[in-house]
C-alpha cells in the first residue's frame, strides 16, 4: 500500500513537471542567440610577425568585437572585454549577426613595453551566426598581437629555427 501511494505521488509529480515544461515550450517567441568570442593576445618579443617560443601572452589587454552591416559598412554594435592572466579573452556578444561582418580588434595593451600592434595581427574575423552549422555558441578568433619596440637578444637564435635549409647555401 505504501509502495502504491509512493508510485502515485511520483506519477503526479512527473505529470506536474511535464505540464510546466509543456507550458514553457508553448512560448513561440524566437530565442535571441548569443555568442562567446574567444581568442588570445600575445606579445611578439622577437618582432617576427608570428608567435615564437619567446612570445608571451598579455594579461589585461583590451579587446573589442565590432560588427558592421554587410550592405552599408556602418557599425551596428560593439562589445568589449579584457584578457585574463593567460592572455585569453571571452567576450559575450548578444544576438544573431548573420548579415554583419564581425571581427575581434585590439584596443590597448597594459604593457607599455609591448603596445604597438603587429601589422596584420590587430584584427581577426569571427562569424556570429547560428546558421552556419556550428553547434557551439563559442566562436574562436585568431590570436591578436602587440610587439616590442626592440627584439629580445635571444631572438636571433630562435628565428634561425624558421630558416629554410635551402636558404643557408
Protein backbone atom coordinates (compact mmCIF):
# COMPACT_ATOMS: atom_id res chain seq x y z
CA UNK A 1 0.00 0.00 0.00
CA UNK A 2 2.83 2.42 0.87
CA UNK A 3 4.56 1.46 -2.37
CA UNK A 4 1.39 2.18 -4.40
CA UNK A 5 0.98 5.53 -2.65
CA UNK A 6 4.64 6.44 -3.41
CA UNK A 7 4.19 5.44 -7.07
CA UNK A 8 1.05 7.60 -7.35
CA UNK A 9 2.83 10.56 -5.78
CA UNK A 10 5.76 10.10 -8.15
CA UNK A 11 3.41 9.90 -11.16
CA UNK A 12 1.58 13.05 -10.04
CA UNK A 13 4.88 14.89 -9.59
CA UNK A 14 6.07 13.81 -13.05
CA UNK A 15 2.77 14.95 -14.61
CA UNK A 16 3.06 18.34 -12.91
CA UNK A 17 6.66 18.67 -14.09
CA UNK A 18 5.71 17.71 -17.65
CA UNK A 19 2.82 20.17 -17.64
CA UNK A 20 5.05 23.01 -16.51
CA UNK A 21 7.58 22.12 -19.21
CA UNK A 22 4.85 21.93 -21.84
CA UNK A 23 3.62 25.38 -20.89
CA UNK A 24 7.13 26.75 -21.25
CA UNK A 25 7.61 25.05 -24.62
CA UNK A 26 4.47 26.75 -25.98
CA UNK A 27 6.26 30.10 -25.83
CA UNK A 28 6.72 30.80 -29.54
CA UNK A 29 8.81 33.94 -29.21
CA UNK A 30 12.15 33.48 -31.04
CA UNK A 31 15.10 32.94 -28.76
CA UNK A 32 17.81 35.56 -29.08
CA UNK A 33 21.07 33.88 -29.89
CA UNK A 34 24.23 34.89 -28.12
CA UNK A 35 27.87 34.03 -28.63
CA UNK A 36 31.17 33.97 -26.80
CA UNK A 37 34.10 35.21 -28.87
CA UNK A 38 37.31 33.64 -27.55
CA UNK A 39 40.88 34.43 -28.51
CA UNK A 40 44.31 35.27 -27.15
CA UNK A 41 46.54 38.33 -27.18
CA UNK A 42 50.29 37.80 -27.44
CA UNK A 43 53.44 39.89 -27.34
CA UNK A 44 55.80 39.44 -30.30
CA UNK A 45 59.04 39.68 -28.36
CA UNK A 46 61.10 38.83 -31.48
CA UNK A 47 59.27 41.18 -33.88
CA UNK A 48 58.80 38.18 -36.18
CA UNK A 49 55.16 38.87 -37.07
CA UNK A 50 54.08 35.47 -35.73
CA UNK A 51 54.16 33.58 -32.45
CA UNK A 52 57.52 32.06 -31.49
CA UNK A 53 58.74 30.15 -28.42
CA UNK A 54 59.78 33.54 -26.97
CA UNK A 55 56.28 35.04 -27.35
CA UNK A 56 54.39 35.83 -24.18
CA UNK A 57 50.67 36.35 -23.56
CA UNK A 58 49.33 39.65 -22.26
CA UNK A 59 47.04 39.79 -19.23
CA UNK A 60 44.71 42.79 -19.07
CA UNK A 61 44.77 43.63 -22.80
CA UNK A 62 41.60 45.34 -24.00
CA UNK A 63 39.83 43.75 -26.98
CA UNK A 64 36.64 44.72 -28.77
CA UNK A 65 34.27 42.82 -31.05
CA UNK A 66 32.87 45.13 -33.72
CA UNK A 67 30.11 44.26 -36.20
CA UNK A 68 29.30 46.18 -39.37
CA UNK A 69 26.45 45.92 -41.86
CA UNK A 70 27.42 43.89 -44.94
CA UNK A 71 25.50 46.31 -47.14
CA UNK A 72 26.29 49.75 -45.72
CA UNK A 73 29.52 49.12 -43.83
CA UNK A 74 28.15 51.06 -40.86
CA UNK A 75 28.96 49.83 -37.36
CA UNK A 76 25.94 48.06 -35.86
CA UNK A 77 27.31 47.04 -32.46
CA UNK A 78 30.40 46.75 -30.32
CA UNK A 79 31.29 44.62 -27.26
CA UNK A 80 34.44 44.96 -25.12
CA UNK A 81 36.44 42.71 -22.85
CA UNK A 82 39.85 42.09 -21.30
CA UNK A 83 42.24 39.18 -21.33
CA UNK A 84 42.73 37.05 -18.23
CA UNK A 85 46.09 36.04 -16.74
CA UNK A 86 46.66 33.60 -19.64
CA UNK A 87 46.09 36.28 -22.28
CA UNK A 88 42.70 34.79 -23.19
CA UNK A 89 39.56 36.86 -23.70
CA UNK A 90 35.95 35.69 -23.70
CA UNK A 91 33.64 38.42 -24.94
CA UNK A 92 29.88 37.92 -24.70
CA UNK A 93 28.08 39.07 -27.83
CA UNK A 94 24.30 39.33 -27.84
CA UNK A 95 22.04 38.35 -30.70
CA UNK A 96 22.46 36.89 -34.15
CA UNK A 97 24.74 38.69 -36.65
CA UNK A 98 24.14 36.71 -39.84
CA UNK A 99 24.02 39.81 -42.05
CA UNK A 100 27.01 41.55 -40.49
CA UNK A 101 30.78 41.38 -40.72
CA UNK A 102 32.20 40.97 -37.22
CA UNK A 103 35.79 40.96 -36.01
CA UNK A 104 37.88 40.97 -32.86
CA UNK A 105 40.00 44.11 -32.67
CA UNK A 106 42.93 45.02 -30.42
CA UNK A 107 42.27 48.16 -28.39
CA UNK A 108 45.15 48.51 -25.92
CA UNK A 109 47.92 46.74 -24.05
CA UNK A 110 48.65 47.33 -20.37
CA UNK A 111 52.33 46.55 -21.09
CA UNK A 112 53.89 49.75 -22.45
CA UNK A 113 56.98 47.71 -23.46
CA UNK A 114 54.71 45.73 -25.80
CA UNK A 115 51.99 48.11 -27.00
CA UNK A 116 52.48 48.51 -30.78
CA UNK A 117 50.18 46.33 -32.86
CA UNK A 118 51.71 43.71 -35.13
CA UNK A 119 50.75 44.66 -38.71
CA UNK A 120 48.09 42.23 -39.94
CA UNK A 121 47.54 40.81 -36.45
CA UNK A 122 45.46 43.64 -34.99
CA UNK A 123 42.08 42.18 -36.04
CA UNK A 124 40.53 38.79 -36.76
CA UNK A 125 37.17 37.95 -38.37
CA UNK A 126 34.53 35.99 -36.44
CA UNK A 127 31.28 34.56 -37.78
CA UNK A 128 28.46 35.20 -35.34
CA UNK A 129 25.53 33.26 -36.68
CA UNK A 130 23.90 30.03 -35.62
CA UNK A 131 23.01 29.36 -39.27
CA UNK A 132 26.42 28.09 -40.32
CA UNK A 133 26.39 24.53 -38.99
CA UNK A 134 28.46 25.24 -35.86
CA UNK A 135 26.65 23.75 -32.86
CA UNK A 136 28.57 25.61 -30.14
CA UNK A 137 27.95 29.25 -29.29
CA UNK A 138 31.71 29.74 -28.75
CA UNK A 139 33.49 31.31 -31.71
CA UNK A 140 37.29 31.18 -31.83
CA UNK A 141 39.20 34.14 -33.23
CA UNK A 142 42.80 34.03 -34.44
CA UNK A 143 45.37 35.33 -31.95
CA UNK A 144 45.94 39.08 -31.91
CA UNK A 145 49.37 40.58 -31.34
CA UNK A 146 51.32 43.50 -30.00
CA UNK A 147 55.09 43.77 -30.47
CA UNK A 148 58.06 45.08 -28.55
CA UNK A 149 59.93 48.09 -29.94
CA UNK A 150 63.19 46.12 -29.86
CA UNK A 151 63.54 42.35 -30.21
CA UNK A 152 64.96 40.34 -27.32
CA UNK A 153 68.67 39.46 -27.74
CA UNK A 154 67.95 35.70 -27.87
CA UNK A 155 65.58 36.11 -30.83
CA UNK A 156 68.31 35.81 -33.49
CA UNK A 157 68.89 32.24 -32.34
CA UNK A 158 65.17 31.48 -32.14
CA UNK A 159 64.50 32.82 -35.64
CA UNK A 160 67.19 30.54 -37.10
CA UNK A 161 64.79 27.65 -36.41
CA UNK A 162 62.47 29.06 -39.07
CA UNK A 163 65.07 29.37 -41.84
CA UNK A 164 64.71 27.04 -44.78
CA UNK A 165 67.68 24.70 -45.34
CA UNK A 166 67.89 25.91 -48.97
CA UNK A 167 68.39 29.49 -47.72
CA UNK A 168 71.67 28.57 -45.97
CA UNK A 169 73.71 27.95 -49.14
